[in-house]
Amino acid sequence: MEAFTDSFRSELLQLMRWRRDVRRFSNEPVNEALLMQCLDTFRLAPSVGLSEPWRILRVTSPDLRQKAIKNYQTANATALEGYSGDKAALYSGLKLSGMSEAPEHIAIFCDDSTAKGSGLGATTMPEMRRYSVVGAINLMWLHARSHGLGMGWVSILDAPKLCDDLDVPKDWSLIAYLCIGWPQANSTTPELETAGWETRRDTLAIETR
C-alpha cells in the first residue's frame, strides 16, 4: 500500500472541516462533467455484501422540482408547530433548504429488495443497505467539496409522498434529497451553530466496557 504523507493527512482533515451543509447557493450552473465525476464516486464506496443498493435520480423537471419544494414547505410548516417561544422564533428564521436556488437536485434511494449481494450481511441487519448508501453519499460530498462545490441534505420532507411524486419503485426508500451548487460563501462553522441553534461538543465521549 502506498504510504500517505503528513501533508496529505492534514489536507484530508481540512477537507472534512470544510465539508458543511450548504443552504445558500449562487446561480452559477454546475459543469455537467464535474457533476458526473462526483456521482461516479459511488462506484468507489463500500456496500454490505457488495450489494451497491444506491439508486440515483437526477431531478431536472421543473414540475417535479416544484413538487419537492412544496413538499419541504409543508413539512417545514408542520415542524415549526412543534416548537414554541424563542425556539420557534429561531427556527422560523433558519434557512433549512436551498432547493429554490440550487442548480442541481439529486434524490438518492436505497433499493431495499436488491438481489445483488445475495443478502450477505443484510439478512440479519437489513438496515445495512441504507447505511451503505449513506456512506457513499459522504464520499461524494467530500469529493464535491474538494472541487469547491457545496451540498445540502434536505431532511424536512414527507418521504413517502416525495417517492410517489417521483414515481420510483415501491421497494426504493428515500435516503437523501440533495441540493448541489456553488456556495455563496464558505465556512468551517456549521450554519446552525452560527445561528445559535446548537453548539458542537468540544470533546468526544468514548466509553470502554
N, C-alpha and C. Protein backbone atom coordinates (compact mmCIF):
# COMPACT_ATOMS: atom_id res chain seq x y z
N MET A 1 0.84 -1.20 0.00
CA MET A 1 0.00 0.00 0.00
C MET A 1 0.87 1.24 0.00
N GLU A 2 0.52 2.21 -0.82
CA GLU A 2 1.27 3.46 -0.88
C GLU A 2 1.05 4.26 0.40
N ALA A 3 2.12 4.72 1.00
CA ALA A 3 2.03 5.49 2.23
C ALA A 3 1.58 6.92 1.92
N PHE A 4 0.72 7.45 2.76
CA PHE A 4 0.28 8.83 2.61
C PHE A 4 1.16 9.74 3.44
N THR A 5 1.36 10.92 2.96
CA THR A 5 2.23 11.88 3.65
C THR A 5 1.47 12.60 4.75
N ASP A 6 2.24 13.19 5.67
CA ASP A 6 1.62 14.00 6.72
C ASP A 6 0.85 15.16 6.10
N SER A 7 1.38 15.70 5.02
CA SER A 7 0.71 16.82 4.34
C SER A 7 -0.64 16.39 3.79
N PHE A 8 -0.68 15.20 3.20
CA PHE A 8 -1.95 14.68 2.68
C PHE A 8 -2.96 14.50 3.80
N ARG A 9 -2.51 13.90 4.90
CA ARG A 9 -3.42 13.66 6.02
C ARG A 9 -3.96 14.97 6.59
N SER A 10 -3.10 15.97 6.66
CA SER A 10 -3.51 17.28 7.16
C SER A 10 -4.56 17.91 6.24
N GLU A 11 -4.32 17.79 4.93
CA GLU A 11 -5.27 18.35 3.96
C GLU A 11 -6.59 17.60 3.97
N LEU A 12 -6.53 16.28 4.22
CA LEU A 12 -7.75 15.50 4.29
C LEU A 12 -8.60 15.94 5.49
N LEU A 13 -7.97 16.17 6.61
CA LEU A 13 -8.70 16.66 7.78
C LEU A 13 -9.29 18.04 7.52
N GLN A 14 -8.52 18.86 6.80
CA GLN A 14 -9.02 20.19 6.45
C GLN A 14 -10.25 20.08 5.55
N LEU A 15 -10.22 19.15 4.61
CA LEU A 15 -11.37 18.93 3.73
C LEU A 15 -12.59 18.54 4.55
N MET A 16 -12.40 17.69 5.55
CA MET A 16 -13.52 17.29 6.41
C MET A 16 -14.09 18.49 7.16
N ARG A 17 -13.20 19.39 7.58
CA ARG A 17 -13.68 20.59 8.29
C ARG A 17 -14.49 21.50 7.37
N TRP A 18 -14.10 21.54 6.10
CA TRP A 18 -14.79 22.41 5.14
C TRP A 18 -16.05 21.76 4.57
N ARG A 19 -16.26 20.47 4.86
CA ARG A 19 -17.48 19.83 4.40
C ARG A 19 -18.64 20.29 5.30
N ARG A 20 -19.44 21.18 4.76
CA ARG A 20 -20.54 21.73 5.52
C ARG A 20 -21.82 21.65 4.71
N ASP A 21 -22.93 21.56 5.41
CA ASP A 21 -24.24 21.55 4.76
C ASP A 21 -24.51 22.95 4.22
N VAL A 22 -24.62 23.07 2.90
CA VAL A 22 -24.79 24.37 2.26
C VAL A 22 -26.27 24.61 1.93
N ARG A 23 -26.76 25.78 2.28
CA ARG A 23 -28.15 26.16 2.01
C ARG A 23 -28.25 27.37 1.09
N ARG A 24 -27.14 28.05 0.91
CA ARG A 24 -27.16 29.29 0.12
C ARG A 24 -26.25 29.11 -1.09
N PHE A 25 -26.87 29.09 -2.26
CA PHE A 25 -26.14 28.82 -3.50
C PHE A 25 -26.17 30.03 -4.42
N SER A 26 -25.11 30.16 -5.23
CA SER A 26 -25.11 31.15 -6.29
C SER A 26 -25.90 30.57 -7.47
N ASN A 27 -26.17 31.40 -8.47
CA ASN A 27 -26.94 30.92 -9.62
C ASN A 27 -26.05 30.35 -10.73
N GLU A 28 -24.77 30.17 -10.44
CA GLU A 28 -23.86 29.61 -11.45
C GLU A 28 -24.13 28.12 -11.63
N PRO A 29 -24.31 27.66 -12.87
CA PRO A 29 -24.58 26.24 -13.09
C PRO A 29 -23.38 25.37 -12.79
N VAL A 30 -23.66 24.11 -12.54
CA VAL A 30 -22.59 23.13 -12.28
C VAL A 30 -22.23 22.45 -13.60
N ASN A 31 -20.95 22.41 -13.88
CA ASN A 31 -20.48 21.75 -15.09
C ASN A 31 -20.93 20.29 -15.10
N GLU A 32 -21.48 19.87 -16.23
CA GLU A 32 -22.03 18.52 -16.35
C GLU A 32 -20.98 17.44 -16.05
N ALA A 33 -19.80 17.61 -16.60
CA ALA A 33 -18.74 16.62 -16.40
C ALA A 33 -18.35 16.53 -14.93
N LEU A 34 -18.30 17.66 -14.25
CA LEU A 34 -17.95 17.67 -12.84
C LEU A 34 -19.02 16.99 -12.00
N LEU A 35 -20.28 17.24 -12.31
CA LEU A 35 -21.37 16.60 -11.58
C LEU A 35 -21.29 15.08 -11.74
N MET A 36 -21.07 14.62 -12.98
CA MET A 36 -20.99 13.19 -13.22
C MET A 36 -19.77 12.58 -12.52
N GLN A 37 -18.69 13.34 -12.44
CA GLN A 37 -17.50 12.87 -11.74
C GLN A 37 -17.79 12.68 -10.26
N CYS A 38 -18.54 13.61 -9.69
CA CYS A 38 -18.91 13.50 -8.27
C CYS A 38 -19.80 12.29 -8.04
N LEU A 39 -20.79 12.10 -8.89
CA LEU A 39 -21.69 10.96 -8.74
C LEU A 39 -20.96 9.63 -8.96
N ASP A 40 -19.93 9.67 -9.77
CA ASP A 40 -19.21 8.44 -10.08
C ASP A 40 -18.45 7.91 -8.87
N THR A 41 -18.28 8.74 -7.83
CA THR A 41 -17.60 8.26 -6.63
C THR A 41 -18.42 7.17 -5.93
N PHE A 42 -19.70 7.04 -6.25
CA PHE A 42 -20.48 5.96 -5.68
C PHE A 42 -19.86 4.60 -6.02
N ARG A 43 -19.20 4.51 -7.16
CA ARG A 43 -18.59 3.24 -7.57
C ARG A 43 -17.41 2.87 -6.69
N LEU A 44 -16.89 3.84 -5.93
CA LEU A 44 -15.76 3.58 -5.04
C LEU A 44 -16.21 3.22 -3.63
N ALA A 45 -17.49 3.38 -3.37
CA ALA A 45 -17.98 3.23 -2.00
C ALA A 45 -18.14 1.76 -1.60
N PRO A 46 -17.89 1.46 -0.34
CA PRO A 46 -18.17 0.10 0.15
C PRO A 46 -19.66 -0.09 0.33
N SER A 47 -20.10 -1.34 0.25
CA SER A 47 -21.52 -1.63 0.50
C SER A 47 -21.64 -3.04 1.06
N VAL A 48 -22.63 -3.26 1.89
CA VAL A 48 -22.81 -4.55 2.54
C VAL A 48 -23.02 -5.64 1.47
N GLY A 49 -22.22 -6.68 1.54
CA GLY A 49 -22.34 -7.78 0.59
C GLY A 49 -22.06 -7.39 -0.85
N LEU A 50 -21.42 -6.23 -1.04
CA LEU A 50 -21.22 -5.67 -2.38
C LEU A 50 -22.55 -5.55 -3.12
N SER A 51 -23.56 -5.13 -2.37
CA SER A 51 -24.91 -5.03 -2.93
C SER A 51 -25.14 -3.77 -3.75
N GLU A 52 -24.30 -2.74 -3.52
CA GLU A 52 -24.45 -1.46 -4.24
C GLU A 52 -25.92 -1.07 -4.35
N PRO A 53 -26.60 -0.87 -3.21
CA PRO A 53 -28.04 -0.66 -3.24
C PRO A 53 -28.50 0.75 -3.59
N TRP A 54 -27.56 1.66 -3.82
CA TRP A 54 -27.94 3.03 -4.11
C TRP A 54 -28.59 3.16 -5.49
N ARG A 55 -29.59 4.00 -5.53
CA ARG A 55 -30.27 4.34 -6.79
C ARG A 55 -30.33 5.85 -6.86
N ILE A 56 -29.85 6.40 -7.96
CA ILE A 56 -29.66 7.85 -8.09
C ILE A 56 -30.63 8.42 -9.11
N LEU A 57 -31.35 9.46 -8.71
CA LEU A 57 -32.30 10.13 -9.60
C LEU A 57 -31.97 11.61 -9.66
N ARG A 58 -31.62 12.07 -10.83
CA ARG A 58 -31.36 13.50 -11.04
C ARG A 58 -32.68 14.17 -11.40
N VAL A 59 -33.10 15.10 -10.57
CA VAL A 59 -34.40 15.74 -10.76
C VAL A 59 -34.21 17.04 -11.53
N THR A 60 -34.59 17.03 -12.81
CA THR A 60 -34.44 18.21 -13.66
C THR A 60 -35.77 18.81 -14.09
N SER A 61 -36.85 18.07 -13.98
CA SER A 61 -38.17 18.55 -14.37
C SER A 61 -38.60 19.70 -13.47
N PRO A 62 -38.94 20.87 -14.03
CA PRO A 62 -39.41 21.99 -13.20
C PRO A 62 -40.64 21.61 -12.37
N ASP A 63 -41.52 20.79 -12.93
CA ASP A 63 -42.72 20.37 -12.20
C ASP A 63 -42.35 19.51 -10.99
N LEU A 64 -41.45 18.56 -11.19
CA LEU A 64 -41.06 17.69 -10.07
C LEU A 64 -40.27 18.46 -9.02
N ARG A 65 -39.45 19.39 -9.48
CA ARG A 65 -38.72 20.22 -8.51
C ARG A 65 -39.70 21.03 -7.66
N GLN A 66 -40.70 21.59 -8.31
CA GLN A 66 -41.67 22.39 -7.59
C GLN A 66 -42.44 21.54 -6.59
N LYS A 67 -42.74 20.31 -6.95
CA LYS A 67 -43.42 19.40 -6.02
C LYS A 67 -42.53 19.11 -4.82
N ALA A 68 -41.23 18.93 -5.07
CA ALA A 68 -40.30 18.68 -3.97
C ALA A 68 -40.20 19.89 -3.06
N ILE A 69 -40.17 21.08 -3.64
CA ILE A 69 -40.11 22.31 -2.85
C ILE A 69 -41.38 22.48 -2.02
N LYS A 70 -42.52 22.23 -2.64
CA LYS A 70 -43.79 22.31 -1.92
C LYS A 70 -43.83 21.29 -0.79
N ASN A 71 -43.30 20.11 -1.04
CA ASN A 71 -43.23 19.06 -0.02
C ASN A 71 -42.44 19.57 1.19
N TYR A 72 -41.30 20.17 0.92
CA TYR A 72 -40.48 20.72 2.00
C TYR A 72 -41.23 21.82 2.75
N GLN A 73 -41.85 22.73 2.04
CA GLN A 73 -42.54 23.85 2.68
C GLN A 73 -43.64 23.37 3.61
N THR A 74 -44.37 22.36 3.17
CA THR A 74 -45.44 21.80 4.01
C THR A 74 -44.87 21.11 5.24
N ALA A 75 -43.84 20.30 5.04
CA ALA A 75 -43.21 19.60 6.16
C ALA A 75 -42.56 20.58 7.13
N ASN A 76 -41.99 21.65 6.60
CA ASN A 76 -41.33 22.63 7.45
C ASN A 76 -42.35 23.38 8.31
N ALA A 77 -43.50 23.68 7.73
CA ALA A 77 -44.56 24.36 8.50
C ALA A 77 -45.05 23.46 9.63
N THR A 78 -45.16 22.17 9.36
CA THR A 78 -45.56 21.22 10.39
C THR A 78 -44.51 21.11 11.48
N ALA A 79 -43.23 21.09 11.08
CA ALA A 79 -42.15 21.02 12.06
C ALA A 79 -42.13 22.24 12.96
N LEU A 80 -42.42 23.40 12.41
CA LEU A 80 -42.43 24.64 13.20
C LEU A 80 -43.45 24.57 14.33
N GLU A 81 -44.56 23.88 14.07
CA GLU A 81 -45.61 23.76 15.09
C GLU A 81 -45.13 22.99 16.32
N GLY A 82 -44.04 22.26 16.20
CA GLY A 82 -43.50 21.51 17.32
C GLY A 82 -42.64 22.33 18.27
N TYR A 83 -42.43 23.60 17.93
CA TYR A 83 -41.64 24.49 18.77
C TYR A 83 -42.50 25.64 19.27
N SER A 84 -42.03 26.28 20.31
CA SER A 84 -42.75 27.43 20.85
C SER A 84 -41.76 28.45 21.39
N GLY A 85 -42.24 29.65 21.63
CA GLY A 85 -41.41 30.68 22.23
C GLY A 85 -40.19 31.04 21.42
N ASP A 86 -39.08 31.23 22.13
CA ASP A 86 -37.84 31.65 21.48
C ASP A 86 -37.34 30.62 20.47
N LYS A 87 -37.55 29.33 20.79
CA LYS A 87 -37.09 28.28 19.88
C LYS A 87 -37.86 28.34 18.56
N ALA A 88 -39.16 28.61 18.64
CA ALA A 88 -39.97 28.74 17.42
C ALA A 88 -39.53 29.93 16.59
N ALA A 89 -39.24 31.05 17.28
CA ALA A 89 -38.79 32.24 16.58
C ALA A 89 -37.46 32.00 15.88
N LEU A 90 -36.57 31.30 16.58
CA LEU A 90 -35.27 30.98 15.99
C LEU A 90 -35.44 30.03 14.81
N TYR A 91 -36.27 29.01 14.99
CA TYR A 91 -36.49 28.03 13.92
C TYR A 91 -37.04 28.71 12.67
N SER A 92 -37.99 29.61 12.84
CA SER A 92 -38.64 30.25 11.68
C SER A 92 -37.66 31.10 10.89
N GLY A 93 -36.55 31.49 11.53
CA GLY A 93 -35.57 32.31 10.83
C GLY A 93 -34.44 31.53 10.19
N LEU A 94 -34.42 30.22 10.43
CA LEU A 94 -33.36 29.39 9.85
C LEU A 94 -33.62 29.12 8.37
N LYS A 95 -32.55 29.11 7.59
CA LYS A 95 -32.66 28.70 6.19
C LYS A 95 -32.29 27.23 6.14
N LEU A 96 -33.30 26.38 5.99
CA LEU A 96 -33.10 24.94 6.09
C LEU A 96 -33.13 24.23 4.75
N SER A 97 -33.27 24.98 3.69
CA SER A 97 -33.27 24.36 2.36
C SER A 97 -32.77 25.36 1.33
N GLY A 98 -31.96 24.87 0.40
CA GLY A 98 -31.52 25.69 -0.72
C GLY A 98 -32.14 25.22 -2.01
N MET A 99 -33.30 24.57 -1.90
CA MET A 99 -33.92 23.92 -3.06
C MET A 99 -34.30 24.90 -4.17
N SER A 100 -34.70 26.11 -3.79
CA SER A 100 -35.15 27.07 -4.81
C SER A 100 -33.99 27.64 -5.60
N GLU A 101 -32.79 27.66 -4.99
CA GLU A 101 -31.63 28.26 -5.64
C GLU A 101 -30.67 27.26 -6.26
N ALA A 102 -30.60 26.06 -5.70
CA ALA A 102 -29.59 25.09 -6.14
C ALA A 102 -29.80 24.68 -7.59
N PRO A 103 -28.75 24.70 -8.40
CA PRO A 103 -28.90 24.31 -9.80
C PRO A 103 -29.14 22.82 -9.99
N GLU A 104 -28.72 22.00 -9.02
CA GLU A 104 -28.87 20.55 -9.17
C GLU A 104 -29.62 19.95 -7.97
N HIS A 105 -30.61 19.12 -8.29
CA HIS A 105 -31.34 18.34 -7.29
C HIS A 105 -31.08 16.87 -7.57
N ILE A 106 -30.58 16.16 -6.56
CA ILE A 106 -30.31 14.73 -6.70
C ILE A 106 -31.01 13.98 -5.58
N ALA A 107 -31.87 13.04 -5.94
CA ALA A 107 -32.54 12.20 -4.95
C ALA A 107 -31.84 10.85 -4.92
N ILE A 108 -31.47 10.42 -3.73
CA ILE A 108 -30.74 9.16 -3.56
C ILE A 108 -31.63 8.18 -2.79
N PHE A 109 -31.77 6.98 -3.34
CA PHE A 109 -32.63 5.96 -2.75
C PHE A 109 -31.83 4.71 -2.43
N CYS A 110 -32.40 3.89 -1.57
CA CYS A 110 -31.87 2.56 -1.32
C CYS A 110 -32.85 1.53 -1.87
N ASP A 111 -32.36 0.64 -2.69
CA ASP A 111 -33.18 -0.46 -3.20
C ASP A 111 -33.19 -1.56 -2.14
N ASP A 112 -34.23 -1.57 -1.32
CA ASP A 112 -34.30 -2.50 -0.19
C ASP A 112 -34.48 -3.95 -0.62
N SER A 113 -34.86 -4.18 -1.85
CA SER A 113 -35.11 -5.55 -2.29
C SER A 113 -34.09 -6.05 -3.30
N THR A 114 -32.97 -5.33 -3.44
CA THR A 114 -31.98 -5.74 -4.44
C THR A 114 -31.49 -7.17 -4.17
N ALA A 115 -31.34 -7.91 -5.25
CA ALA A 115 -30.80 -9.27 -5.13
C ALA A 115 -29.28 -9.27 -5.16
N LYS A 116 -28.69 -8.15 -5.56
CA LYS A 116 -27.23 -8.06 -5.63
C LYS A 116 -26.66 -8.20 -4.22
N GLY A 117 -25.65 -9.00 -4.10
CA GLY A 117 -25.06 -9.27 -2.79
C GLY A 117 -25.62 -10.50 -2.12
N SER A 118 -26.71 -11.03 -2.68
CA SER A 118 -27.33 -12.27 -2.17
C SER A 118 -27.63 -12.22 -0.67
N GLY A 119 -27.92 -11.02 -0.18
CA GLY A 119 -28.33 -10.88 1.22
C GLY A 119 -27.20 -10.93 2.22
N LEU A 120 -25.95 -11.05 1.76
CA LEU A 120 -24.83 -11.15 2.69
C LEU A 120 -24.77 -9.91 3.58
N GLY A 121 -24.82 -10.13 4.89
CA GLY A 121 -24.74 -9.03 5.84
C GLY A 121 -26.03 -8.26 6.02
N ALA A 122 -26.98 -8.43 5.09
CA ALA A 122 -28.24 -7.71 5.15
C ALA A 122 -29.39 -8.60 5.62
N THR A 123 -29.15 -9.90 5.67
CA THR A 123 -30.19 -10.81 6.14
C THR A 123 -30.46 -10.59 7.62
N THR A 124 -29.39 -10.43 8.39
CA THR A 124 -29.55 -10.19 9.83
C THR A 124 -29.75 -8.72 10.14
N MET A 125 -29.15 -7.85 9.33
CA MET A 125 -29.27 -6.40 9.55
C MET A 125 -29.60 -5.72 8.22
N PRO A 126 -30.86 -5.77 7.80
CA PRO A 126 -31.24 -5.18 6.51
C PRO A 126 -30.96 -3.69 6.41
N GLU A 127 -30.89 -3.02 7.57
CA GLU A 127 -30.61 -1.58 7.55
C GLU A 127 -29.21 -1.28 7.04
N MET A 128 -28.36 -2.30 6.96
CA MET A 128 -27.00 -2.08 6.48
C MET A 128 -26.98 -1.60 5.03
N ARG A 129 -27.99 -1.97 4.26
CA ARG A 129 -28.05 -1.46 2.88
C ARG A 129 -28.20 0.06 2.89
N ARG A 130 -29.04 0.55 3.77
CA ARG A 130 -29.25 2.00 3.84
C ARG A 130 -28.01 2.71 4.38
N TYR A 131 -27.35 2.08 5.36
CA TYR A 131 -26.12 2.66 5.86
C TYR A 131 -25.07 2.72 4.76
N SER A 132 -25.07 1.73 3.89
CA SER A 132 -24.13 1.73 2.76
C SER A 132 -24.36 2.93 1.86
N VAL A 133 -25.62 3.26 1.64
CA VAL A 133 -25.96 4.41 0.80
C VAL A 133 -25.48 5.70 1.45
N VAL A 134 -25.68 5.80 2.76
CA VAL A 134 -25.22 6.99 3.48
C VAL A 134 -23.70 7.14 3.37
N GLY A 135 -22.98 6.04 3.50
CA GLY A 135 -21.53 6.09 3.37
C GLY A 135 -21.10 6.57 2.00
N ALA A 136 -21.81 6.11 0.97
CA ALA A 136 -21.48 6.52 -0.39
C ALA A 136 -21.75 8.01 -0.60
N ILE A 137 -22.82 8.49 -0.01
CA ILE A 137 -23.14 9.92 -0.11
C ILE A 137 -22.03 10.76 0.50
N ASN A 138 -21.49 10.30 1.62
CA ASN A 138 -20.44 11.07 2.28
C ASN A 138 -19.18 11.13 1.43
N LEU A 139 -18.85 10.04 0.73
CA LEU A 139 -17.70 10.08 -0.18
C LEU A 139 -17.92 11.11 -1.29
N MET A 140 -19.13 11.11 -1.86
CA MET A 140 -19.44 12.08 -2.91
C MET A 140 -19.34 13.50 -2.37
N TRP A 141 -19.82 13.70 -1.15
CA TRP A 141 -19.83 15.02 -0.54
C TRP A 141 -18.42 15.57 -0.42
N LEU A 142 -17.50 14.73 0.06
CA LEU A 142 -16.12 15.17 0.20
C LEU A 142 -15.49 15.48 -1.16
N HIS A 143 -15.79 14.65 -2.14
CA HIS A 143 -15.24 14.89 -3.47
C HIS A 143 -15.78 16.19 -4.05
N ALA A 144 -17.06 16.43 -3.89
CA ALA A 144 -17.66 17.66 -4.39
C ALA A 144 -17.03 18.88 -3.71
N ARG A 145 -16.82 18.77 -2.41
CA ARG A 145 -16.23 19.89 -1.65
C ARG A 145 -14.81 20.16 -2.10
N SER A 146 -14.08 19.10 -2.46
CA SER A 146 -12.70 19.28 -2.91
C SER A 146 -12.62 20.09 -4.19
N HIS A 147 -13.73 20.12 -4.94
CA HIS A 147 -13.81 20.93 -6.17
C HIS A 147 -14.46 22.28 -5.92
N GLY A 148 -14.80 22.56 -4.66
CA GLY A 148 -15.43 23.83 -4.33
C GLY A 148 -16.94 23.81 -4.35
N LEU A 149 -17.53 22.69 -4.72
CA LEU A 149 -18.98 22.59 -4.75
C LEU A 149 -19.55 22.48 -3.34
N GLY A 150 -20.76 22.97 -3.17
CA GLY A 150 -21.45 22.83 -1.90
C GLY A 150 -22.61 21.86 -2.06
N MET A 151 -22.98 21.22 -0.96
CA MET A 151 -24.08 20.27 -1.00
C MET A 151 -24.93 20.45 0.25
N GLY A 152 -26.24 20.38 0.08
CA GLY A 152 -27.16 20.47 1.20
C GLY A 152 -28.07 19.26 1.22
N TRP A 153 -28.23 18.67 2.39
CA TRP A 153 -29.06 17.47 2.56
C TRP A 153 -30.38 17.93 3.17
N VAL A 154 -31.46 17.82 2.42
CA VAL A 154 -32.78 18.25 2.89
C VAL A 154 -33.45 17.09 3.60
N SER A 155 -33.69 17.23 4.88
CA SER A 155 -34.28 16.14 5.66
C SER A 155 -35.69 16.44 6.15
N ILE A 156 -36.17 17.67 5.91
CA ILE A 156 -37.52 18.03 6.35
C ILE A 156 -38.46 17.79 5.17
N LEU A 157 -38.88 16.55 5.03
CA LEU A 157 -39.68 16.13 3.89
C LEU A 157 -40.66 15.04 4.28
N ASP A 158 -41.73 14.94 3.53
CA ASP A 158 -42.64 13.80 3.61
C ASP A 158 -42.12 12.79 2.60
N ALA A 159 -41.29 11.86 3.07
CA ALA A 159 -40.59 10.94 2.17
C ALA A 159 -41.54 10.08 1.33
N PRO A 160 -42.58 9.45 1.92
CA PRO A 160 -43.48 8.63 1.10
C PRO A 160 -44.15 9.42 -0.03
N LYS A 161 -44.56 10.65 0.27
CA LYS A 161 -45.20 11.46 -0.77
C LYS A 161 -44.21 11.83 -1.87
N LEU A 162 -42.99 12.15 -1.46
CA LEU A 162 -41.99 12.51 -2.46
C LEU A 162 -41.67 11.31 -3.35
N CYS A 163 -41.62 10.12 -2.76
CA CYS A 163 -41.40 8.91 -3.56
C CYS A 163 -42.52 8.72 -4.57
N ASP A 164 -43.75 8.99 -4.14
CA ASP A 164 -44.89 8.89 -5.05
C ASP A 164 -44.79 9.92 -6.17
N ASP A 165 -44.45 11.15 -5.81
CA ASP A 165 -44.34 12.21 -6.82
C ASP A 165 -43.25 11.91 -7.83
N LEU A 166 -42.16 11.31 -7.36
CA LEU A 166 -41.05 10.99 -8.26
C LEU A 166 -41.26 9.66 -8.98
N ASP A 167 -42.32 8.96 -8.61
CA ASP A 167 -42.73 7.71 -9.28
C ASP A 167 -41.60 6.69 -9.31
N VAL A 168 -41.04 6.42 -8.13
CA VAL A 168 -39.98 5.42 -8.03
C VAL A 168 -40.58 4.09 -7.58
N PRO A 169 -39.88 2.99 -7.78
CA PRO A 169 -40.38 1.68 -7.35
C PRO A 169 -40.70 1.65 -5.86
N LYS A 170 -41.68 0.85 -5.49
CA LYS A 170 -42.14 0.78 -4.11
C LYS A 170 -41.06 0.28 -3.15
N ASP A 171 -40.09 -0.48 -3.68
CA ASP A 171 -39.04 -1.03 -2.82
C ASP A 171 -37.88 -0.06 -2.63
N TRP A 172 -37.99 1.13 -3.20
CA TRP A 172 -36.94 2.13 -3.02
C TRP A 172 -37.29 3.03 -1.85
N SER A 173 -36.35 3.19 -0.92
CA SER A 173 -36.54 4.10 0.21
C SER A 173 -35.71 5.36 0.00
N LEU A 174 -36.34 6.51 0.24
CA LEU A 174 -35.60 7.76 0.10
C LEU A 174 -34.58 7.89 1.23
N ILE A 175 -33.32 8.07 0.87
CA ILE A 175 -32.27 8.27 1.84
C ILE A 175 -31.89 9.75 1.93
N ALA A 176 -31.79 10.40 0.78
CA ALA A 176 -31.36 11.80 0.80
C ALA A 176 -31.90 12.55 -0.41
N TYR A 177 -32.33 13.77 -0.16
CA TYR A 177 -32.64 14.70 -1.25
C TYR A 177 -31.57 15.79 -1.16
N LEU A 178 -30.70 15.84 -2.17
CA LEU A 178 -29.51 16.67 -2.12
C LEU A 178 -29.60 17.85 -3.06
N CYS A 179 -29.18 19.00 -2.58
CA CYS A 179 -29.03 20.20 -3.40
C CYS A 179 -27.54 20.43 -3.63
N ILE A 180 -27.17 20.65 -4.87
CA ILE A 180 -25.75 20.80 -5.20
C ILE A 180 -25.55 22.05 -6.04
N GLY A 181 -24.52 22.81 -5.70
CA GLY A 181 -24.21 24.02 -6.45
C GLY A 181 -23.02 24.72 -5.85
N TRP A 182 -22.75 25.92 -6.34
CA TRP A 182 -21.62 26.70 -5.83
C TRP A 182 -22.10 27.55 -4.67
N PRO A 183 -21.48 27.40 -3.49
CA PRO A 183 -21.92 28.14 -2.31
C PRO A 183 -21.65 29.64 -2.44
N GLN A 184 -22.55 30.42 -1.86
CA GLN A 184 -22.34 31.87 -1.83
C GLN A 184 -21.15 32.24 -0.96
N ALA A 185 -20.93 31.45 0.08
CA ALA A 185 -19.81 31.70 0.99
C ALA A 185 -19.35 30.38 1.57
N ASN A 186 -18.13 30.33 2.07
CA ASN A 186 -17.58 29.12 2.66
C ASN A 186 -17.23 29.37 4.12
N SER A 187 -17.47 28.38 4.94
CA SER A 187 -17.16 28.49 6.36
C SER A 187 -16.94 27.11 6.95
N THR A 188 -16.05 27.01 7.92
CA THR A 188 -15.86 25.74 8.61
C THR A 188 -16.81 25.61 9.80
N THR A 189 -17.60 26.64 10.06
CA THR A 189 -18.56 26.60 11.16
C THR A 189 -19.94 26.28 10.61
N PRO A 190 -20.62 25.25 11.13
CA PRO A 190 -21.97 24.92 10.67
C PRO A 190 -22.91 26.12 10.83
N GLU A 191 -23.77 26.33 9.84
CA GLU A 191 -24.67 27.47 9.88
C GLU A 191 -25.61 27.43 11.09
N LEU A 192 -26.01 26.23 11.50
CA LEU A 192 -26.87 26.12 12.68
C LEU A 192 -26.15 26.60 13.93
N GLU A 193 -24.84 26.40 13.99
CA GLU A 193 -24.07 26.90 15.12
C GLU A 193 -23.96 28.41 15.07
N THR A 194 -23.73 28.94 13.88
CA THR A 194 -23.65 30.39 13.71
C THR A 194 -24.96 31.07 14.11
N ALA A 195 -26.09 30.41 13.77
CA ALA A 195 -27.40 30.97 14.07
C ALA A 195 -27.79 30.81 15.54
N GLY A 196 -27.02 30.02 16.29
CA GLY A 196 -27.33 29.84 17.70
C GLY A 196 -28.30 28.72 17.99
N TRP A 197 -28.53 27.84 17.01
CA TRP A 197 -29.46 26.73 17.23
C TRP A 197 -28.86 25.66 18.15
N GLU A 198 -27.59 25.36 17.94
CA GLU A 198 -26.92 24.33 18.72
C GLU A 198 -25.42 24.56 18.65
N THR A 199 -24.69 23.97 19.57
CA THR A 199 -23.23 24.08 19.56
C THR A 199 -22.62 22.69 19.45
N ARG A 200 -21.44 22.65 18.87
CA ARG A 200 -20.73 21.39 18.71
C ARG A 200 -19.99 21.04 20.01
N ARG A 201 -20.00 19.78 20.37
CA ARG A 201 -19.27 19.34 21.56
C ARG A 201 -17.76 19.56 21.38
N ASP A 202 -17.11 19.97 22.44
CA ASP A 202 -15.66 20.18 22.39
C ASP A 202 -14.88 18.87 22.44
N THR A 203 -15.46 17.87 23.11
CA THR A 203 -14.77 16.60 23.25
C THR A 203 -15.70 15.46 22.86
N LEU A 204 -15.09 14.36 22.51
CA LEU A 204 -15.85 13.18 22.12
C LEU A 204 -15.91 12.21 23.29
N ALA A 205 -17.10 11.80 23.67
CA ALA A 205 -17.26 10.86 24.78
C ALA A 205 -17.08 9.43 24.25
N ILE A 206 -16.11 8.74 24.76
CA ILE A 206 -15.83 7.36 24.35
C ILE A 206 -15.85 6.47 25.59
N GLU A 207 -16.70 5.48 25.56
CA GLU A 207 -16.80 4.57 26.68
C GLU A 207 -15.97 3.30 26.42
N THR A 208 -15.46 2.73 27.48
CA THR A 208 -14.75 1.46 27.41
C THR A 208 -15.45 0.47 28.34
N ARG A 209 -15.80 -0.67 27.81
CA ARG A 209 -16.51 -1.67 28.64
C ARG A 209 -15.82 -3.02 28.54
